[in-house]
Amino acid sequence: MPVGRGARRRSSGGNVTGLTRYKGMNYRAWWAGAYGDSESDDSLALLRVTGVDTVAITVFVYQAKSTSVVVEAGDRTPTDVDLNHVIQVAQGLGFKVMVKIHIVCVDGTETIGQNFDEADMIAWFASYGSWVNHFADIAETNSIELFCVATGMYFLRLQSARWRSLITTARLHFTGPMTYASLHGGDENTLDWWDALDVIGVNAYYHLTDYNDPTYGELVQAWQPSMALLGALATKWGKKIIFTEVGFRNQDGTNIDPVDWEAEGTPDSQEQRLCYAATLGACWYQDWMLGMFWWEWGTLGEAEANEEMGYQPLGYPAEQELRHWWK
């Protein structure tokens, strides 16, 4: 086991103790080396003054296509040096840290595991598990607060025994709390291995209304069915929930399908702000809520935030909404 937080309680899938409510942001880099740049250091400093106190550092790994069974490094995978650097810079600024693994298919498909046979399952979980253990070692060495073992593996979500085995092995490498980033709209409710983890994670891109420019009150009301679902989920498993991702684009109608990053439209920073406000207003003080991690904040800071109709709040009214709530 790597040298890390030796006195920290080893997680066992029971009730989590000693955790605070995370005021979080997903922090990501679009190319290898970016986490080690001075621009990234500056961008983290900009994020710190928003009131965000925890960063989910995104780590990309790759496979050639959805039927591949080999997971490998790609052009966005950080080196160990760069990953250690960004974690330590974040910690130096006073952030808590989660490391969160994402798999990207090079061919653009999103159906990993859909057509796997038994041999494929064995090979894929062995390959992916080696990456989980590798990043878990880095997480342990840096004594981070939370580790996310995977993100949105919909077609593999029912491989309960394999995920349990992967998590059990990962706990030999990282002794802190663990979560998984499930997909909204079914993934979160069909997993039967939440008991193997410490926190339920949900990428909470829930549909809110069917129209552009809803009011704050309409957006809060639109959150009620999803909040009922999440409250029941938390009660069923006896666990707290974090939004491993939640976000809205600077776009008219962003509340309709928040996960659609390619939807065409026109910029609307006020709807983005209202969606932030309503999500915080509806969800933040729920008993089951342990924190939320907004998508997204990039390593280029202000230069990158000017992208039209992106998710980043930097420089837009949504950033001020975060400051209002969290700072």
Foldseek 3Di string as FASTA:
>chain_A
DADFDVPDAFDFLDADPDAFQFAAAEEFEPFEPLLVDVLLLVQLLVVLLLLGAEYAYEAEWEDQAQQDQAIGHDGRGYDLVSVLSNLVSSVVSRHAYEYAYEYDHNVRDQQRQQPDDPVSVVSNLVNLLVVLLVVLLSCRRSVGAEYASYAANQNCQAVQVSVLVSLVVSSVRHRHFYEYEHEPDPSQPPHPNSSRGHEYEYQPQDQFDDAWDDALVSRLVSCVVVVVVVVVSCVVSVHAYEHAEDWFWQFTPRNGGVVPQPDDGAGHLPRRQSNLLSCCVNPVPDPRRRYYYYPHGYSNHPVVVVPGRGGDCPPTVNSVSSSVPRD
